Amino acid sequence: MKFSKKRELILDFVLNNDKHLSADFIYSELKKDYPELSLGTVYRNLAQLSENELIKKVSLNGQTDVFDKNLEKHGHLICEICGSISDVDLDPLEEVVQKISEKNDISVKHYDVIFHGVCSKCKNNIKN
């Protein structure tokens, strides 16, 4: 995959951000300093970057797709209070997936896990 200046700009923006970012958000932030940037360019480059596994596209039911720099196997929590999306470690789930695979004589290649609940920030605010 060739890297144009705009593709590199978009990739750097995602990699230097700890949040899960929508294409519209990326576009609106980059457009401030790069007025020639188009929304179509952002969408096309995000698709290419995720297809080439440089970033991860996260599709959430009923919500806008977001892009994540974390390429490790992990799940996501959607906070029911603030709406944030945060990463969730799935190490304990690996054993369950192995047992499911064995019990059903299947081979699980990929899975997505989305939890709905309360993030740690909101949970701590409720306690206080």
Protein backbone atom coordinates (compact mmCIF):
# COMPACT_ATOMS: atom_id res chain seq x y z
CA MET A 1 0.00 0.00 0.00
CA LYS A 2 1.36 3.39 -0.99
CA PHE A 3 1.37 6.18 1.55
CA SER A 4 0.27 9.58 0.36
CA LYS A 5 0.72 12.62 2.59
CA LYS A 6 -3.01 12.60 3.41
CA ARG A 7 -3.05 8.88 4.24
CA GLU A 8 -0.09 9.34 6.55
CA LEU A 9 -1.79 12.33 8.16
CA ILE A 10 -4.96 10.33 8.83
CA LEU A 11 -3.05 7.32 10.16
CA ASP A 12 -0.95 9.50 12.47
CA PHE A 13 -4.09 11.18 13.80
CA VAL A 14 -5.64 7.82 14.71
CA LEU A 15 -2.41 6.41 16.17
CA ASN A 16 -1.85 9.48 18.32
CA ASN A 17 -5.33 9.46 19.81
CA ASP A 18 -6.51 7.19 22.64
CA LYS A 19 -10.19 7.45 21.72
CA HIS A 20 -12.29 5.53 19.24
CA LEU A 21 -12.75 8.01 16.42
CA SER A 22 -15.43 8.37 13.77
CA ALA A 23 -14.51 9.38 10.23
CA ASP A 24 -16.54 12.57 10.66
CA PHE A 25 -14.62 13.51 13.82
CA ILE A 26 -11.26 12.81 12.15
CA TYR A 27 -12.32 14.91 9.16
CA SER A 28 -13.53 17.85 11.26
CA GLU A 29 -10.32 17.91 13.32
CA LEU A 30 -7.93 17.59 10.39
CA LYS A 31 -9.89 20.02 8.21
CA LYS A 32 -8.90 22.85 10.58
CA ASP A 33 -5.26 22.61 9.50
CA TYR A 34 -5.78 21.03 6.07
CA PRO A 35 -8.69 22.84 4.37
CA GLU A 36 -8.14 20.95 1.08
CA LEU A 37 -8.95 17.63 2.78
CA SER A 38 -12.26 16.07 1.75
CA LEU A 39 -14.54 13.79 3.74
CA GLY A 40 -14.38 11.23 0.92
CA THR A 41 -10.60 11.14 1.20
CA VAL A 42 -10.86 10.45 4.92
CA TYR A 43 -13.38 7.62 4.39
CA ARG A 44 -11.35 6.02 1.58
CA ASN A 45 -8.11 6.17 3.53
CA LEU A 46 -9.66 4.81 6.72
CA ALA A 47 -11.05 1.89 4.71
CA GLN A 48 -7.62 1.19 3.18
CA LEU A 49 -5.84 1.49 6.54
CA SER A 50 -8.25 -0.88 8.25
CA GLU A 51 -8.21 -3.37 5.34
CA ASN A 52 -4.40 -3.42 5.61
CA GLU A 53 -4.71 -3.90 9.39
CA LEU A 54 -2.88 -0.72 10.35
CA ILE A 55 -5.92 0.36 12.37
CA LYS A 56 -9.09 -1.46 13.41
CA LYS A 57 -12.57 -0.59 12.21
CA VAL A 58 -15.14 -1.13 14.95
CA SER A 59 -18.74 -1.52 13.81
CA LEU A 60 -21.28 -1.07 16.57
CA ASN A 61 -24.94 -1.89 16.04
CA GLY A 62 -26.94 1.23 15.33
CA GLN A 63 -23.95 3.54 15.71
CA THR A 64 -21.40 5.14 13.43
CA ASP A 65 -18.30 3.02 12.77
CA VAL A 66 -15.26 4.10 14.74
CA PHE A 67 -11.55 3.48 14.26
CA ASP A 68 -9.19 2.15 16.89
CA LYS A 69 -5.40 2.10 17.03
CA ASN A 70 -5.41 -0.99 19.29
CA LEU A 71 -4.87 -4.01 17.05
CA GLU A 72 -4.66 -6.53 19.90
CA LYS A 73 -7.61 -8.86 20.41
CA HIS A 74 -10.00 -6.99 22.69
CA GLY A 75 -13.64 -6.15 23.24
CA HIS A 76 -15.42 -2.85 23.72
CA LEU A 77 -17.65 -1.36 26.41
CA ILE A 78 -20.22 1.23 25.43
CA CYS A 79 -21.01 3.32 28.49
CA GLU A 80 -24.75 3.77 28.98
CA ILE A 81 -24.17 7.03 30.87
CA CYS A 82 -21.59 9.03 28.89
CA GLY A 83 -21.64 7.08 25.60
CA SER A 84 -17.89 6.55 25.57
CA ILE A 85 -16.36 3.47 23.97
CA SER A 86 -13.51 1.83 25.85
CA ASP A 87 -11.34 -1.23 25.32
CA VAL A 88 -11.94 -4.38 27.38
CA ASP A 89 -9.32 -7.09 27.93
CA LEU A 90 -10.66 -10.45 26.71
CA ASP A 91 -7.91 -12.76 27.99
CA PRO A 92 -10.32 -14.72 30.24
CA LEU A 93 -12.65 -15.23 27.25
CA GLU A 94 -10.02 -17.08 25.21
CA GLU A 95 -10.46 -20.20 27.34
CA VAL A 96 -14.24 -20.06 26.87
CA VAL A 97 -13.89 -19.71 23.09
CA GLN A 98 -11.55 -22.73 23.05
CA LYS A 99 -14.12 -24.81 24.98
CA ILE A 100 -16.93 -23.67 22.68
CA SER A 101 -14.83 -24.62 19.66
CA GLU A 102 -14.05 -28.06 21.05
CA LYS A 103 -17.59 -28.78 22.24
CA ASN A 104 -19.14 -27.80 18.91
CA ASP A 105 -16.34 -29.21 16.71
CA ILE A 106 -15.78 -25.81 15.10
CA SER A 107 -12.88 -23.47 14.58
CA VAL A 108 -13.56 -19.88 15.64
CA LYS A 109 -11.41 -17.56 13.55
CA HIS A 110 -12.71 -14.19 14.71
CA TYR A 111 -15.24 -12.75 17.10
CA ASP A 112 -16.37 -9.31 18.24
CA VAL A 113 -17.49 -8.66 21.79
CA ILE A 114 -19.41 -5.54 22.74
CA PHE A 115 -20.44 -4.93 26.33
CA HIS A 116 -23.03 -2.37 27.38
CA GLY A 117 -22.65 -0.99 30.88
CA VAL A 118 -20.95 1.77 32.85
CA CYS A 119 -17.35 2.88 32.28
CA SER A 120 -14.97 3.21 35.22
CA LYS A 121 -15.11 7.04 35.15
CA CYS A 122 -18.91 7.11 35.40
CA LYS A 123 -18.89 4.26 37.94
CA ASN A 124 -16.51 6.25 40.16
CA ASN A 125 -18.67 9.39 39.80
CA ILE A 126 -21.72 7.41 40.95
CA LYS A 127 -19.87 6.27 44.09
CA ASN A 128 -18.91 9.84 45.05
